[in-house]
Protein backbone atom coordinates (compact mmCIF):
# COMPACT_ATOMS: atom_id res chain seq x y z
CA MET A 1 83.07 149.31 113.42
CA ILE A 2 79.28 148.33 112.84
CA VAL A 3 78.70 144.98 113.97
CA THR A 4 76.29 143.22 111.40
CA PRO A 5 74.47 140.23 111.97
CA PHE A 6 76.82 138.29 109.62
CA HIS A 7 79.67 139.39 111.92
CA HIS A 8 77.80 138.33 114.92
CA PHE A 9 76.96 134.86 113.22
CA ALA A 10 80.62 134.58 112.25
CA GLY A 11 81.78 135.17 115.92
CA GLU A 12 79.22 132.56 117.29
CA ARG A 13 80.33 130.08 114.69
CA SER A 14 84.05 130.46 115.81
CA ALA A 15 83.19 130.21 119.32
CA LEU A 16 81.02 127.04 119.01
CA THR A 17 83.80 125.59 116.85
CA LEU A 18 86.44 126.18 119.69
CA ILE A 19 84.17 124.59 122.17
CA ASP A 20 83.72 121.67 119.82
CA ALA A 21 87.43 121.42 119.67
CA LEU A 22 87.68 121.57 123.60
CA GLY A 23 85.03 118.89 123.45
CA GLN A 24 87.12 116.72 121.14
CA VAL A 25 90.02 117.04 123.51
CA LEU A 26 87.70 115.96 126.51
CA ALA A 27 86.65 112.85 124.32
CA SER A 28 90.17 111.82 124.31
CA LEU A 29 89.25 109.64 127.37
CA GLU A 30 87.34 107.30 124.91
CA SER A 31 90.79 106.15 123.62
CA LEU A 32 91.04 103.85 126.95
CA ARG A 33 88.58 101.78 125.16
CA ASN A 34 90.67 101.54 121.99
CA LEU A 35 91.94 98.04 122.79
CA ARG A 36 94.22 97.57 119.58
CA ALA A 37 96.01 100.88 120.17
CA LEU A 38 96.32 99.97 123.98
CA ALA A 39 97.82 96.28 122.83
CA VAL A 40 100.24 98.16 120.39
CA LEU A 41 101.48 100.65 123.01
CA LEU A 42 101.85 97.72 125.38
CA GLY A 43 103.71 95.67 123.05
CA THR A 44 105.98 98.45 122.06
CA PHE A 45 106.82 99.44 125.78
CA ALA A 46 107.71 95.77 126.55
CA THR A 47 109.58 95.28 123.52
CA ALA A 48 111.58 98.41 123.69
CA GLY A 49 112.19 97.83 127.46
CA LEU A 50 113.28 94.19 126.84
CA LEU A 51 115.86 95.48 124.12
CA LEU A 52 117.05 98.24 126.28
CA ALA A 53 117.61 95.74 129.20
CA MET A 54 119.58 93.62 126.92
CA ALA A 55 121.69 96.52 125.49
CA GLU A 56 122.51 97.30 129.38
CA ALA A 57 123.63 93.83 129.88
CA SER A 58 125.70 93.50 126.72
CA LEU A 59 127.45 96.78 127.67
CA ALA A 60 128.04 95.71 131.20
CA LYS A 61 129.69 92.33 129.82
CA GLY A 62 131.92 94.48 127.64
CA ALA A 63 130.05 93.72 124.30
CA VAL A 64 130.84 96.89 122.61
CA TRP A 65 129.12 96.10 119.41
CA TRP A 66 126.08 94.33 120.62
CA GLY A 67 125.00 96.96 123.11
CA PRO A 68 124.68 99.91 120.56
CA ILE A 69 122.82 97.45 118.10
CA GLU A 70 120.28 96.43 120.76
CA ALA A 71 119.83 100.03 121.94
CA GLY A 72 119.14 101.01 118.31
CA ALA A 73 116.77 98.31 117.95
CA ALA A 74 114.95 99.34 121.01
CA LEU A 75 114.64 103.04 119.48
CA THR A 76 113.53 101.74 116.20
CA ALA A 77 110.81 99.48 117.97
CA ALA A 78 109.61 102.55 120.07
CA PHE A 79 109.50 104.73 116.90
CA TYR A 80 107.38 102.48 114.65
CA GLY A 81 105.50 100.89 117.40
CA GLY A 82 104.41 104.36 118.72
CA ASN A 83 103.78 105.39 114.92
CA ALA A 84 101.49 102.32 114.56
CA ALA A 85 99.47 103.04 117.85
CA GLY A 86 99.04 106.68 116.54
CA LEU A 87 97.60 105.54 113.40
CA LEU A 88 95.10 103.31 115.25
CA VAL A 89 94.21 106.39 117.51
CA MET A 90 93.93 108.75 114.35
CA ASP A 91 91.55 106.55 112.91
CA GLU A 92 89.40 106.80 116.09
CA ALA A 93 89.68 110.51 116.07
CA CYS A 94 88.68 110.76 112.55
CA GLY A 95 85.60 108.62 112.94
CA ARG A 96 86.81 106.01 110.74
CA PRO A 97 86.72 102.27 111.55
CA VAL A 98 89.89 101.28 113.49
CA ARG A 99 92.25 99.29 111.23
CA GLU A 100 93.80 95.93 112.09
CA VAL A 101 96.86 96.20 114.12
CA ALA A 102 99.00 94.39 111.07
CA ASP A 103 97.61 97.06 108.73
CA ALA A 104 98.85 99.72 111.12
CA LEU A 105 102.43 98.30 111.50
CA ARG A 106 102.64 98.23 107.71
CA ALA A 107 101.43 101.67 107.44
CA ALA A 108 103.78 102.75 110.00
CA LEU A 109 106.68 101.18 108.28
CA ALA A 110 105.68 102.95 105.11
CA SER A 111 104.95 106.31 106.31
CA ALA A 112 106.80 107.17 109.69
CA HIS A 113 109.85 108.36 107.92
CA ARG A 114 107.96 111.51 106.99
CA LEU A 115 107.92 112.51 110.47
CA ILE A 116 111.75 112.62 110.57
CA GLY A 117 111.70 114.44 107.29
CA ALA A 118 109.12 117.11 108.43
CA LEU A 119 110.82 117.52 111.97
CA LEU A 120 114.43 117.98 110.27
CA LEU A 121 112.86 120.66 108.06
CA LEU A 122 111.05 122.60 110.71
CA LEU A 123 113.91 122.27 113.12
CA ALA A 124 116.28 123.62 110.59
CA ALA A 125 113.97 126.56 110.00
CA ALA A 126 113.85 127.12 113.74
CA ALA A 127 117.62 126.97 113.76
CA ALA A 128 117.85 129.52 111.02
CA ILE A 129 115.58 131.87 112.99
CA ALA A 130 117.58 131.27 116.05
CA GLY A 131 120.98 132.07 114.11
CA VAL A 132 119.59 135.38 112.88
CA VAL A 133 118.91 136.48 116.46
CA VAL A 134 122.32 135.29 117.60
CA GLY A 135 123.84 137.42 114.68
CA LEU A 136 121.91 140.50 115.85
CA LEU A 137 123.25 139.94 119.34
CA TRP A 138 126.68 139.42 118.14
CA LEU A 139 126.58 142.88 116.29
CA CYS A 140 125.96 144.46 119.73
CA ARG A 141 129.51 143.69 120.86
CA LEU A 142 131.54 146.70 121.71
CA SER A 143 134.32 145.57 119.52
CA VAL A 144 132.14 145.53 116.43
CA THR A 145 129.89 148.59 116.75
CA GLY A 146 131.71 150.89 119.40
CA PRO A 147 130.74 152.04 122.73
CA VAL A 148 127.81 154.15 121.58
CA VAL A 149 126.32 152.19 118.86
CA GLY A 150 126.44 148.82 120.74
CA PRO A 151 124.15 149.76 123.70
CA MET A 152 121.69 151.47 121.71
CA LEU A 153 121.41 148.57 119.26
CA PHE A 154 121.48 146.09 122.18
CA GLY A 155 118.18 148.08 123.55
CA LEU A 156 116.56 147.62 120.19
CA VAL A 157 117.46 143.84 119.86
CA VAL A 158 116.59 142.75 123.45
CA PRO A 159 112.75 143.10 123.02
CA LEU A 160 113.01 141.63 119.45
CA ALA A 161 115.01 138.83 120.63
CA VAL A 162 112.89 137.95 123.79
CA ILE A 163 109.78 137.93 121.60
CA THR A 164 111.11 135.96 118.77
CA LEU A 165 112.89 133.15 120.99
CA GLY A 166 109.77 132.83 123.13
CA TRP A 167 107.51 132.79 120.12
CA LEU A 168 109.87 130.05 118.64
CA LEU A 169 109.95 127.88 121.65
CA LEU A 170 106.36 128.03 122.11
CA SER A 171 105.65 127.12 118.53
CA LEU A 172 108.08 124.08 118.85
CA LEU A 173 106.53 122.97 121.99
CA ALA A 174 102.87 123.33 121.30
CA VAL A 175 102.57 122.86 117.72
CA VAL A 176 105.65 121.32 116.26
CA VAL A 177 106.39 118.45 118.79
CA PRO A 178 102.75 117.24 119.47
CA LEU A 179 101.16 117.77 116.11
CA ALA A 180 103.89 116.67 113.57
CA ALA A 181 102.99 113.13 114.00
CA PRO A 182 99.38 113.38 113.87
CA ALA A 183 99.78 115.34 110.63
CA VAL A 184 101.73 112.38 109.27
CA TRP A 185 99.17 109.86 110.67
CA SER A 186 96.47 111.73 108.73
CA GLY A 187 98.25 110.81 105.38
CA ALA A 188 99.90 114.20 104.64
CA GLY A 189 103.42 114.25 102.99
CA VAL A 190 106.37 115.76 104.28
CA MET A 191 105.84 119.32 102.70
CA ALA A 192 102.30 119.26 103.37
CA VAL A 193 103.00 118.60 107.08
CA VAL A 194 105.44 121.54 106.99
CA ARG A 195 102.86 123.78 105.42
CA VAL A 196 99.95 122.72 107.74
CA LEU A 197 101.82 123.34 110.84
CA LEU A 198 103.46 126.59 109.67
CA ARG A 199 99.90 127.73 108.91
CA LEU A 200 98.83 126.69 112.56
CA ILE A 201 101.90 128.65 114.03
CA ARG A 202 100.93 131.74 111.86
CA THR A 203 97.22 131.73 112.43
CA ARG A 204 96.17 129.48 115.45
CA LEU A 205 99.28 129.47 117.97
CA LEU A 206 97.48 130.59 120.94
CA VAL A 207 94.52 128.32 120.32
CA VAL A 208 96.79 125.31 119.95
CA ALA A 209 98.83 126.17 122.93
CA LEU A 210 95.84 126.22 125.00
CA LEU A 211 94.10 123.00 123.66
CA MET A 212 97.46 121.21 124.15
CA ALA A 213 97.66 122.47 127.53
CA ALA A 214 94.18 120.94 128.15
CA VAL A 215 95.45 117.67 126.67
CA SER A 216 98.25 117.72 129.22
CA LEU A 217 96.14 118.48 132.15
CA LEU A 218 93.83 115.59 130.92
CA ALA A 219 96.65 113.24 130.69
CA ALA A 220 98.08 114.37 134.15
CA ALA A 221 94.65 113.72 135.76
CA VAL A 222 94.52 110.21 134.31
CA GLY A 223 97.97 109.64 135.36
CA ALA A 224 97.15 110.76 138.86
CA LEU A 225 94.20 108.61 139.05
CA VAL A 226 96.15 105.62 137.76
CA SER A 227 98.90 106.26 140.11
CA PHE A 228 96.61 106.25 143.17
CA VAL A 229 94.88 102.97 141.84
CA VAL A 230 98.50 101.56 141.59
CA MET A 231 99.72 102.55 144.93
CA ALA A 232 96.63 101.88 146.81
CA GLY A 233 96.13 98.35 145.34
CA GLY A 234 99.71 97.70 145.27
CA ARG A 235 100.22 98.19 148.92
CA ALA A 236 97.02 96.25 149.87
CA VAL A 237 98.32 93.28 147.49
CA ALA A 238 101.69 93.46 149.06
CA GLU A 239 100.52 93.08 152.60
CA LEU A 240 98.11 90.44 151.62
CA GLY A 241 100.93 88.49 149.85
CA VAL A 242 102.70 88.26 153.01
CA ALA A 243 99.89 87.70 155.37
CA VAL A 244 97.96 85.31 153.13
CA VAL A 245 100.40 83.82 150.64
CA GLY A 246 103.04 83.56 153.34
CA VAL A 247 105.60 85.13 151.02
CA ASP A 248 108.80 85.74 152.91
CA VAL A 249 109.63 88.74 151.04
CA PRO A 250 109.76 92.37 152.30
CA VAL A 251 106.87 94.37 151.46
CA GLN A 252 109.10 97.05 149.59
CA GLN A 253 110.26 94.37 147.23
CA LEU A 254 107.09 93.53 146.37
CA MET A 255 105.88 96.91 145.55
CA ALA A 256 109.11 97.69 143.70
CA GLY A 257 107.94 96.14 140.52
CA LEU A 258 104.86 98.67 140.41
CA PHE A 259 107.52 101.33 139.96
CA GLY A 260 109.61 99.74 137.30
CA TYR A 261 112.37 98.24 139.79
CA GLY A 262 114.24 95.08 139.39
CA LEU A 263 116.28 93.18 141.88
CA ARG A 264 119.42 94.85 140.51
CA SER A 265 118.21 98.25 141.02
CA LEU A 266 116.89 97.52 144.43
CA GLY A 267 120.31 96.20 145.49
CA ALA A 268 121.79 99.31 144.12
CA ALA A 269 119.66 101.44 146.08
CA GLY A 270 120.42 99.73 149.25
CA ALA A 271 116.76 98.15 149.57
CA PRO A 272 116.16 94.67 151.37
CA VAL A 273 116.27 92.06 148.44
CA VAL A 274 115.34 88.34 148.69
CA ALA A 275 115.70 86.16 145.62
CA THR A 276 112.68 83.82 146.10
CA ALA A 277 110.45 82.48 143.26
CA HIS A 278 107.42 84.57 144.67
CA GLY A 279 109.45 87.81 144.85
CA SER A 280 110.64 87.31 141.15
CA ALA A 281 107.07 86.60 140.19
CA ALA A 282 105.95 89.72 142.00
CA LEU A 283 108.36 91.91 140.30
CA VAL A 284 107.22 90.57 136.89
CA GLY A 285 103.45 91.20 137.62
CA GLY A 286 104.44 94.52 139.18
CA GLY A 287 106.27 95.24 135.88
CA VAL A 288 102.90 94.70 133.89
CA VAL A 289 101.11 97.08 135.94
CA PHE A 290 103.74 99.49 135.70
CA ALA A 291 103.66 99.42 131.91
CA LEU A 292 99.84 99.89 131.97
CA ALA A 293 100.10 102.84 134.17
CA LEU A 294 102.52 104.61 131.75
CA VAL A 295 100.49 103.47 128.72
CA LEU A 296 97.23 104.86 129.74
CA PRO A 297 98.29 108.51 129.96
CA GLY A 298 100.27 108.19 126.86
CA LEU A 299 97.26 106.90 125.13
CA VAL A 300 95.03 109.94 126.25
CA THR A 301 98.08 112.11 125.04
CA LEU A 302 98.06 110.71 121.51
CA ARG A 303 94.35 110.79 121.21
CA GLY A 304 94.35 114.23 122.47
CA ALA A 305 97.12 115.66 119.97
CA CYS A 306 94.99 113.70 117.08
CA SER A 307 91.93 115.44 118.17
CA VAL A 308 93.69 118.85 118.26
CA TYR A 309 95.10 118.42 114.71
CA VAL A 310 91.78 117.07 113.37
CA SER A 311 89.85 120.21 114.79
CA LEU A 312 92.31 122.69 113.51
CA ARG A 313 93.75 121.27 110.15
CA GLU A 314 91.12 122.91 107.87
CA PRO A 315 91.19 126.83 107.62
CA THR A 316 87.33 126.80 107.82
CA GLN A 317 87.07 124.62 110.87
CA VAL A 318 88.16 127.45 113.47
CA GLY A 319 87.59 131.09 113.36
């Protein structure tokens, strides 16, 4: 094949576009300055956690009806709150002015159901493909095809099944799960979401998988840094709380809130528990830090997924 200047230019354009897409992924760290999205995620985390705690308490008291209702309310709050935060992050990823929190909540209530519809359609298609593979494997049974044809057919089906199921799982994990929500947040309808994701699976699966791996590594790095800050600062504050404030509470209990523990869970784990006002206050304050430590990597992940979708949603933008 003769490489013309046009081919050379097209190759350079593709490479530069992929580099730009990776740059957009690295720019996901800017989402940490999106205070509206951060506030929505924190509020969602706190609301869902409170409702789950209420559901646990209701079930412990034998309230068979209230427990599932409160658990369902927790899932609803997490679903719509997460979508509202995603809309705020998508505004930033698209270069639009970030909307108000109230507008994001209204938009989430009006459009989040599209995510469920798109996921159901895509999962149904994946189940159909997996069903075909299972059917081919069933045909390899000796009782169906005989002692000669069965092994021969099985030898042909094995590579086909391995490649198909591996491709299916990679598509679900790298494209469908992380990019279905950004597609909805961009304003696409259910069928448009399905078409865009199927196009990405068909033409850009490897690129999307590598970019989402970069997003995961970036979020993990943020999580590691946040964990170091929380553990180092928490240990220092716990020691100072005992030495300076004079709190007669074990250091282990003072740090427990930083890892999402409460008095009940500490007691169940056999840790020393002292019920004092300062100890309870430390658990509440540590819980706030724990929520913030979870939200920051989550916010980077949301922005990274939005950046990947925005970079690859148009056929002319990559390759």
